[in-house]
Protein backbone atom coordinates (compact mmCIF):
# COMPACT_ATOMS: atom_id res chain seq x y z
CA UNK A 1 0.01 -0.33 -0.15
CA UNK A 2 3.34 2.12 0.70
CA UNK A 3 3.96 2.21 -3.21
CA UNK A 4 0.87 2.42 -3.84
CA UNK A 5 -1.12 5.94 -5.92
CA UNK A 6 -4.65 6.08 -6.48
CA UNK A 7 -6.13 6.58 -9.83
CA UNK A 8 -8.94 8.84 -8.79
CA UNK A 9 -9.83 9.71 -12.49
CA UNK A 10 -10.15 8.40 -16.51
CA UNK A 11 -11.39 9.79 -19.37
CA UNK A 12 -11.48 9.28 -23.45
CA UNK A 13 -11.41 10.39 -26.56
CA UNK A 14 -13.22 7.72 -28.85
CA UNK A 15 -10.70 6.13 -30.96
CA UNK A 16 -11.30 6.91 -34.95
CA UNK A 17 -9.83 8.76 -37.75
CA UNK A 18 -11.45 12.03 -37.52
CA UNK A 19 -8.86 14.47 -38.78
CA UNK A 20 -8.17 16.95 -36.56
CA UNK A 21 -5.69 18.33 -33.86
CA UNK A 22 -4.09 15.51 -31.33
CA UNK A 23 -4.46 18.48 -28.78
CA UNK A 24 -8.54 18.70 -28.97
CA UNK A 25 -8.28 14.79 -28.31
CA UNK A 26 -6.02 15.18 -25.53
CA UNK A 27 -7.73 17.90 -24.15
CA UNK A 28 -11.37 16.29 -23.90
CA UNK A 29 -9.68 13.02 -22.43
CA UNK A 30 -8.60 15.15 -19.90
CA UNK A 31 -11.38 17.24 -18.99
CA UNK A 32 -13.45 14.01 -18.88
CA UNK A 33 -10.72 12.71 -16.71
CA UNK A 34 -10.92 15.53 -14.28
CA UNK A 35 -14.70 15.36 -14.34
CA UNK A 36 -14.39 11.62 -13.40
CA UNK A 37 -12.04 12.54 -10.45
CA UNK A 38 -14.16 15.58 -8.90
CA UNK A 39 -10.39 17.08 -8.87
CA UNK A 40 -10.31 20.79 -10.19
CA UNK A 41 -7.77 21.72 -12.90
CA UNK A 42 -5.82 24.80 -11.18
CA UNK A 43 -5.92 22.03 -8.50
CA UNK A 44 -3.08 19.68 -10.58
CA UNK A 45 0.07 19.77 -9.63
CA UNK A 46 2.27 18.07 -11.78
CA UNK A 47 1.14 17.25 -15.86
CA UNK A 48 2.64 14.28 -18.03
CA UNK A 49 2.65 14.25 -21.54
CA UNK A 50 3.11 10.72 -23.71
CA UNK A 51 4.45 12.45 -26.28
CA UNK A 52 3.76 11.88 -30.19
CA UNK A 53 6.26 11.35 -33.34
CA UNK A 54 3.50 12.50 -35.99
CA UNK A 55 2.22 16.67 -34.84
CA UNK A 56 5.34 18.54 -35.08
CA UNK A 57 7.49 19.87 -32.06
CA UNK A 58 3.70 19.78 -29.59
CA UNK A 59 3.76 16.51 -29.80
CA UNK A 60 7.43 16.11 -29.05
CA UNK A 61 6.74 18.60 -26.19
CA UNK A 62 3.03 16.97 -24.44
CA UNK A 63 2.75 17.65 -21.41
CA UNK A 64 3.67 21.21 -22.08
CA UNK A 65 1.58 21.32 -24.72
CA UNK A 66 -1.50 20.06 -23.16
CA UNK A 67 -0.90 22.24 -19.81
CA UNK A 68 -0.85 25.44 -22.43
CA UNK A 69 -4.19 23.82 -24.05
CA UNK A 70 -6.01 23.46 -20.57
CA UNK A 71 -5.03 26.82 -19.48
CA UNK A 72 -1.70 27.47 -17.51
CA UNK A 73 -1.51 26.72 -13.53
CA UNK A 74 1.86 26.72 -12.41
CA UNK A 75 2.54 22.81 -12.47
CA UNK A 76 5.16 21.32 -13.61
CA UNK A 77 5.55 19.04 -16.70
CA UNK A 78 7.20 16.37 -18.03
CA UNK A 79 7.15 14.31 -21.64
CA UNK A 80 7.78 11.32 -22.15
CA UNK A 81 8.33 8.92 -25.37
CA UNK A 82 8.95 5.01 -25.17
CA UNK A 83 6.95 4.54 -28.43
CA UNK A 84 4.15 1.93 -27.48
CA UNK A 85 5.66 1.74 -24.41
CA UNK A 86 4.78 6.06 -23.58
CA UNK A 87 1.38 6.77 -21.83
CA UNK A 88 2.83 3.88 -19.31
CA UNK A 89 6.35 6.00 -18.77
CA UNK A 90 4.38 9.05 -18.45
CA UNK A 91 2.33 7.53 -16.02
CA UNK A 92 5.12 6.20 -14.11
CA UNK A 93 6.52 9.89 -14.19
CA UNK A 94 3.68 10.84 -12.68
CA UNK A 95 3.29 7.92 -9.62
CA UNK A 96 7.28 8.42 -8.72
CA UNK A 97 6.45 12.03 -7.97
CA UNK A 98 3.41 11.70 -6.37
CA UNK A 99 5.48 9.12 -4.25
CA UNK A 100 8.59 11.48 -3.84
CA UNK A 101 6.38 13.54 -2.23
CA UNK A 102 6.50 16.02 -4.99
CA UNK A 103 3.29 16.44 -5.35
CA UNK A 104 -0.54 14.83 -4.09
CA UNK A 105 -2.15 14.97 -7.41
CA UNK A 106 -1.22 14.81 -10.87
CA UNK A 107 -2.56 14.82 -14.93
CA UNK A 108 -1.61 12.05 -17.15
CA UNK A 109 -2.42 12.13 -20.99
CA UNK A 110 -1.76 10.41 -23.71
CA UNK A 111 -3.36 11.49 -27.83
CA UNK A 112 -1.86 11.07 -31.13
CA UNK A 113 -3.00 11.46 -34.77
CA UNK A 114 -2.15 9.55 -37.32
CA UNK A 115 -1.75 9.25 -41.08
CA UNK A 116 -3.46 7.10 -43.05
CA UNK A 117 -2.24 3.55 -43.64
CA UNK A 118 0.66 2.27 -41.83
CA UNK A 119 3.10 3.94 -40.35
CA UNK A 120 6.05 5.26 -41.58
CA UNK A 121 9.63 6.21 -40.45
CA UNK A 122 10.80 9.47 -39.49
CA UNK A 123 11.56 11.62 -43.04
CA UNK A 124 15.42 12.29 -44.44
CA UNK A 125 18.02 10.21 -45.78
CA UNK A 126 19.25 8.57 -41.91
CA UNK A 127 21.81 5.63 -42.94
CA UNK A 128 22.58 5.11 -39.09
CA UNK A 129 18.45 5.13 -37.86
CA UNK A 130 18.03 1.59 -37.98
CA UNK A 131 14.51 2.48 -37.85
CA UNK A 132 14.84 3.99 -41.44
CA UNK A 133 17.57 1.14 -42.50
CA UNK A 134 14.38 -1.23 -41.84
CA UNK A 135 11.75 -0.04 -44.34
CA UNK A 136 14.47 0.56 -46.72
CA UNK A 137 16.90 -2.22 -46.41
CA UNK A 138 14.49 -4.71 -46.32
CA UNK A 139 10.32 -3.09 -46.37
CA UNK A 140 9.77 -4.29 -43.59
CA UNK A 141 6.97 -2.35 -42.42
CA UNK A 142 4.73 -2.93 -39.43
CA UNK A 143 2.38 -5.84 -41.13
CA UNK A 144 5.21 -7.64 -41.95
CA UNK A 145 6.99 -7.71 -38.38
CA UNK A 146 3.73 -8.76 -36.69
CA UNK A 147 3.57 -11.35 -39.41
CA UNK A 148 6.81 -12.72 -38.17
CA UNK A 149 5.73 -13.27 -35.40
CA UNK A 150 2.87 -14.93 -35.96
CA UNK A 151 5.01 -17.10 -39.03
CA UNK A 152 7.48 -18.14 -35.53
CA UNK A 153 4.10 -19.26 -33.85
CA UNK A 154 3.05 -21.60 -36.25
CA UNK A 155 6.83 -22.93 -36.32
CA UNK A 156 6.96 -23.33 -32.79
CA UNK A 157 3.48 -24.18 -31.58
CA UNK A 158 1.17 -25.04 -34.25
CA UNK A 159 -1.37 -22.35 -34.66
CA UNK A 160 -2.95 -22.24 -37.29
CA UNK A 161 -5.00 -19.20 -39.16
CA UNK A 162 -7.83 -20.09 -37.84
CA UNK A 163 -6.59 -19.32 -34.42
CA UNK A 164 -5.97 -15.97 -34.99
CA UNK A 165 -9.11 -15.23 -36.87
CA UNK A 166 -10.81 -16.54 -33.54
CA UNK A 167 -8.56 -13.90 -31.31
CA UNK A 168 -10.25 -11.41 -34.03
CA UNK A 169 -14.15 -12.66 -33.74
CA UNK A 170 -13.60 -12.91 -29.84
CA UNK A 171 -12.39 -9.45 -29.59
CA UNK A 172 -14.43 -8.21 -31.57
CA UNK A 173 -17.31 -9.03 -29.62
CA UNK A 174 -15.61 -7.49 -26.57
CA UNK A 175 -15.82 -3.87 -28.46
CA UNK A 176 -19.46 -3.95 -29.51
CA UNK A 177 -20.64 -1.93 -25.93
CA UNK A 178 -17.34 -0.21 -26.12
CA UNK A 179 -18.55 3.85 -26.98
CA UNK A 180 -14.55 4.57 -27.06
CA UNK A 181 -13.64 1.67 -29.49
CA UNK A 182 -13.42 3.35 -33.79
CA UNK A 183 -14.45 -0.72 -35.19
CA UNK A 184 -18.03 -1.68 -33.62
CA UNK A 185 -18.90 -4.83 -35.99
CA UNK A 186 -18.87 -8.20 -35.04
CA UNK A 187 -17.01 -10.40 -37.28
CA UNK A 188 -17.21 -14.12 -38.10
CA UNK A 189 -13.75 -16.67 -38.70
CA UNK A 190 -14.92 -16.92 -41.93
CA UNK A 191 -14.94 -12.80 -42.59
CA UNK A 192 -11.63 -12.46 -40.91
CA UNK A 193 -10.34 -15.71 -43.17
CA UNK A 194 -12.08 -13.56 -46.14
CA UNK A 195 -10.31 -10.57 -46.17
CA UNK A 196 -7.31 -9.65 -48.15
CA UNK A 197 -3.71 -11.20 -46.88
CA UNK A 198 -1.43 -8.46 -46.21
CA UNK A 199 1.66 -9.77 -44.56
CA UNK A 200 1.23 -13.96 -44.94
CA UNK A 201 -0.12 -15.39 -42.97
CA UNK A 202 -2.31 -12.16 -41.40
CA UNK A 203 -4.98 -10.81 -42.92
CA UNK A 204 -6.17 -7.33 -42.96
CA UNK A 205 -9.25 -7.83 -40.21
CA UNK A 206 -6.47 -9.13 -38.11
CA UNK A 207 -3.29 -6.77 -38.28
CA UNK A 208 -4.50 -3.36 -36.13
CA UNK A 209 -5.37 0.26 -37.31
CA UNK A 210 -3.91 3.43 -36.72
CA UNK A 211 -5.89 5.48 -35.29
CA UNK A 212 -6.84 8.86 -33.80
CA UNK A 213 -7.29 9.50 -29.93
CA UNK A 214 -6.88 9.92 -26.40
CA UNK A 215 -6.65 8.96 -22.88
CA UNK A 216 -6.31 10.32 -19.49
CA UNK A 217 -5.99 9.80 -15.61
CA UNK A 218 -5.99 11.85 -12.78
CA UNK A 219 -3.52 10.29 -9.99
CA UNK A 220 -2.83 10.91 -6.74
CA UNK A 221 -1.76 9.86 -2.93
CA UNK A 222 -3.43 7.88 -1.10
CA UNK A 223 -3.40 10.41 1.90
CA UNK A 224 -5.16 12.65 -0.90
CA UNK A 225 -7.32 10.14 -2.14
CA UNK A 226 -8.93 9.85 1.75
CA UNK A 227 -10.33 13.04 1.60
CA UNK A 228 -11.71 12.68 -2.05
CA UNK A 229 -12.95 9.12 -3.11
CA UNK A 230 -14.15 6.34 -1.80
CA UNK A 231 -11.96 2.72 -2.00
CA UNK A 232 -10.33 3.92 -5.22
CA UNK A 233 -8.83 1.68 -7.73
CA UNK A 234 -4.66 1.43 -7.45
CA UNK A 235 -2.22 1.15 -9.37
CA UNK A 236 -0.08 -1.43 -7.79
CA UNK A 237 3.13 -1.76 -9.89
CA UNK A 238 4.95 -0.21 -13.23
CA UNK A 239 7.42 -2.40 -15.17
CA UNK A 240 9.36 -1.11 -17.98
CA UNK A 241 12.19 -3.32 -18.02
CA UNK A 242 14.71 -3.39 -21.01
CA UNK A 243 15.63 -6.59 -22.78
CA UNK A 244 18.23 -8.89 -21.12
CA UNK A 245 21.60 -10.00 -23.45
CA UNK A 246 21.69 -12.10 -24.87
CA UNK A 247 18.24 -11.57 -27.14
CA UNK A 248 16.75 -14.90 -28.47
CA UNK A 249 13.66 -13.14 -30.82
CA UNK A 250 14.12 -10.57 -33.69
CA UNK A 251 12.83 -7.39 -32.21
CA UNK A 252 12.77 -4.84 -35.20
CA UNK A 253 14.17 -2.36 -35.71
CA UNK A 254 16.85 -4.48 -34.85
CA UNK A 255 17.67 -6.87 -38.08
CA UNK A 256 18.69 -9.57 -35.94
CA UNK A 257 18.90 -11.78 -32.78
CA UNK A 258 22.09 -11.74 -30.46
CA UNK A 259 24.91 -14.04 -30.33
CA UNK A 260 24.76 -16.68 -27.57
CA UNK A 261 27.65 -18.55 -27.84
CA UNK A 262 29.94 -16.95 -25.13
CA UNK A 263 26.88 -16.17 -22.83
CA UNK A 264 23.31 -18.15 -22.16
CA UNK A 265 20.10 -16.88 -23.62
CA UNK A 266 17.94 -15.74 -20.44
CA UNK A 267 15.63 -18.13 -18.85
CA UNK A 268 12.38 -15.40 -20.30
CA UNK A 269 11.48 -13.45 -23.22
CA UNK A 270 11.92 -9.78 -23.67
CA UNK A 271 8.09 -9.86 -22.98
CA UNK A 272 7.90 -12.38 -20.25
CA UNK A 273 10.63 -9.92 -18.30
CA UNK A 274 8.14 -7.08 -18.45
CA UNK A 275 5.21 -9.03 -16.80
CA UNK A 276 7.31 -10.67 -14.35
CA UNK A 277 9.00 -7.72 -13.06
CA UNK A 278 5.42 -6.07 -12.64
CA UNK A 279 4.45 -9.49 -10.54
CA UNK A 280 7.02 -9.07 -8.30
CA UNK A 281 6.86 -5.35 -7.59
CA UNK A 282 3.63 -5.90 -6.79
CA UNK A 283 3.74 -8.78 -4.50
CA UNK A 284 0.99 -11.32 -6.99
CA UNK A 285 0.83 -13.66 -9.55
CA UNK A 286 -1.16 -14.52 -12.61
CA UNK A 287 -2.87 -16.63 -10.31
CA UNK A 288 -4.38 -13.57 -9.02
CA UNK A 289 -5.40 -11.81 -12.02
CA UNK A 290 -9.24 -11.13 -12.32
CA UNK A 291 -8.10 -9.98 -16.52
CA UNK A 292 -5.90 -8.54 -18.74
CA UNK A 293 -5.53 -5.94 -21.52
CA UNK A 294 -3.12 -6.79 -23.83
CA UNK A 295 -1.59 -5.04 -26.48
CA UNK A 296 -2.63 -7.28 -29.95
CA UNK A 297 -1.14 -5.45 -33.02
CA UNK A 298 -2.25 -8.56 -34.58
CA UNK A 299 -4.31 -11.33 -33.34
CA UNK A 300 -1.80 -13.61 -33.26
CA UNK A 301 0.49 -11.27 -30.80
CA UNK A 302 -2.28 -11.52 -28.31
CA UNK A 303 -2.00 -15.36 -27.86
CA UNK A 304 2.36 -14.46 -27.54
CA UNK A 305 0.90 -12.37 -24.59
CA UNK A 306 -1.24 -15.06 -23.07
CA UNK A 307 2.01 -16.88 -22.39
CA UNK A 308 4.50 -13.81 -21.55
CA UNK A 309 1.79 -12.26 -18.43
CA UNK A 310 1.88 -16.01 -17.10
CA UNK A 311 -2.30 -16.84 -18.07
CA UNK A 312 -0.97 -20.47 -19.71
CA UNK A 313 2.13 -22.39 -20.37
CA UNK A 314 4.44 -21.73 -23.58
CA UNK A 315 2.39 -23.88 -26.60
CA UNK A 316 -1.00 -23.53 -24.32
CA UNK A 317 -2.32 -20.16 -25.96
CA UNK A 318 -4.63 -21.80 -28.51
CA UNK A 319 -6.15 -24.23 -25.78
CA UNK A 320 -7.06 -21.70 -23.21
CA UNK A 321 -8.50 -19.23 -26.53
CA UNK A 322 -10.35 -22.39 -27.97
CA UNK A 323 -11.33 -23.70 -24.36
CA UNK A 324 -13.03 -19.83 -23.88
CA UNK A 325 -11.08 -18.97 -20.95
CA UNK A 326 -10.18 -15.58 -22.08
CA UNK A 327 -13.35 -14.25 -23.34
CA UNK A 328 -15.77 -11.93 -21.10
CA UNK A 329 -17.02 -14.72 -18.74
CA UNK A 330 -14.57 -17.29 -18.72
CA UNK A 331 -11.67 -17.94 -16.01
CA UNK A 332 -9.23 -14.94 -17.51
CA UNK A 333 -11.22 -12.67 -19.97
CA UNK A 334 -8.45 -10.65 -22.00
CA UNK A 335 -9.29 -7.55 -24.00
CA UNK A 336 -12.58 -6.93 -22.76
CA UNK A 337 -12.64 -3.47 -23.98
CA UNK A 338 -12.04 -4.78 -27.49
CA UNK A 339 -8.02 -4.13 -27.73
CA UNK A 340 -6.10 -2.94 -30.60
CA UNK A 341 -8.56 -5.11 -32.72
CA UNK A 342 -11.39 -2.53 -32.17
CA UNK A 343 -9.27 0.50 -31.23
CA UNK A 344 -6.68 0.70 -33.72
CA UNK A 345 -3.44 2.21 -32.40
CA UNK A 346 -2.94 5.41 -31.34
CA UNK A 347 0.39 5.52 -29.61
CA UNK A 348 0.78 7.43 -26.63
CA UNK A 349 -2.93 6.95 -25.96
CA UNK A 350 -2.94 3.44 -25.82
CA UNK A 351 -0.73 1.95 -22.79
CA UNK A 352 -2.93 5.17 -20.77
CA UNK A 353 -6.32 3.93 -22.34
CA UNK A 354 -5.24 0.36 -21.18
CA UNK A 355 -5.03 1.67 -17.70
CA UNK A 356 -8.77 3.31 -18.15
CA UNK A 357 -10.33 0.20 -18.94
CA UNK A 358 -9.36 -1.67 -16.05
CA UNK A 359 -10.23 1.29 -13.80
CA UNK A 360 -13.64 0.86 -15.05
CA UNK A 361 -14.16 -2.69 -15.41
CA UNK A 362 -12.50 -3.10 -11.24
CA UNK A 363 -14.91 -0.58 -10.63
CA UNK A 364 -18.26 -2.20 -12.34
CA UNK A 365 -18.47 0.56 -14.90
CA UNK A 366 -18.09 -1.37 -18.02
CA UNK A 367 -21.43 -2.15 -18.80
CA UNK A 368 -22.39 -5.09 -20.76
CA UNK A 369 -18.39 -5.93 -21.59
CA UNK A 370 -17.97 -5.89 -17.36
CA UNK A 371 -15.96 -8.87 -16.11
CA UNK A 372 -17.40 -9.94 -12.84
CA UNK A 373 -16.14 -10.03 -9.72
CA UNK A 374 -12.41 -8.67 -10.97
CA UNK A 375 -10.44 -7.41 -8.32
CA UNK A 376 -6.82 -7.13 -9.69
CA UNK A 377 -5.74 -6.29 -13.80
CA UNK A 378 -2.55 -6.68 -15.94
CA UNK A 379 -1.64 -4.10 -19.26
CA UNK A 380 0.49 -5.26 -21.04
CA UNK A 381 2.70 -3.72 -24.21
CA UNK A 382 5.38 -4.01 -26.04
CA UNK A 383 7.02 -0.48 -28.01
CA UNK A 384 10.26 -0.72 -30.47
CA UNK A 385 14.19 -0.28 -29.40
CA UNK A 386 13.25 -2.21 -26.57
CA UNK A 387 10.56 -0.80 -24.62
CA UNK A 388 7.28 -2.55 -23.15
CA UNK A 389 5.34 -1.57 -20.01
CA UNK A 390 2.90 -3.91 -17.99
CA UNK A 391 0.83 -1.96 -15.11
CA UNK A 392 -0.95 -3.21 -12.48
CA UNK A 393 -4.58 -2.62 -11.08
CA UNK A 394 -5.52 -3.41 -7.87
CA UNK A 395 -9.34 -2.66 -6.19
């Protein structure tokens, strides 16, 4: 409890392709989170922004950008970029400010406006940038990266295209009642398998889109929360650990694995280590979970996450899925929000949105997608360049 902070408020701007400035989305999410918390903007002491790389200089200094848009109030600000883990890094920055005693209440926000199609590298000629090189030398767009993981899973564990399609079917069903989801349509397995092939073996409906959207949180110390809320949901752990040498799985933009000639391969994968560090910090294990929100950049990748967060052994994710354990009403629902399958990806907002969903779930405010009886939830995601995050929320 001494290392926990309270989540007093959450807010989101719906995901979509709205064609407006990311600041507009973020301000809406912030105002909703403030209203939900009962805290006034003038009382916020720290603003932690998750940066976007696609919206010019204001996106690089998002903490200050949102503080100005809401009306300067003298709060301290910070801006974080950690690829897909940016939202969790921003959350952790605010959490550390609170736990260190530098502030009592903070606002965390991430928002993005994305281009049509898949994400491209930054412009310019940069032969020393591995992210630029993977596009220029290999044509390795993000869908290609996702497909490498999917093919690996098929080779190692016998996963099938049908298994991947069933993940999409499950998540589309979950997202039907989520007012913030971009895609609110239930798909059949036949529809998924009939969609165009993008990067073998992944099809169009199995790869997340790029989206506009924003999410925000109001965090506070537990002492502050006692004066403003009754039994609030709490952040129990935030993990942002990096890989350990030698990495035995190709993680783009790197083109190859590390040599394991003289150093043994770690016992756990990078993604697995992210979740395990969160469990250790929170003093719990996978058996304590009631639900999970994981980063389904592709339907196949969700299956990897089942094993990485420890809810089943390696090679057993397909059985967990096919037995119905990861659907709402099952043993351990995964992505009750609908996941990236229903949202698409708004990079700096996504890890914050995962925490919003867990908060609504643990409060019992998730409506038709409610996971009954859940008291502990975990988020998990991975970004490029050795970034990843996992957040554990308790009620």
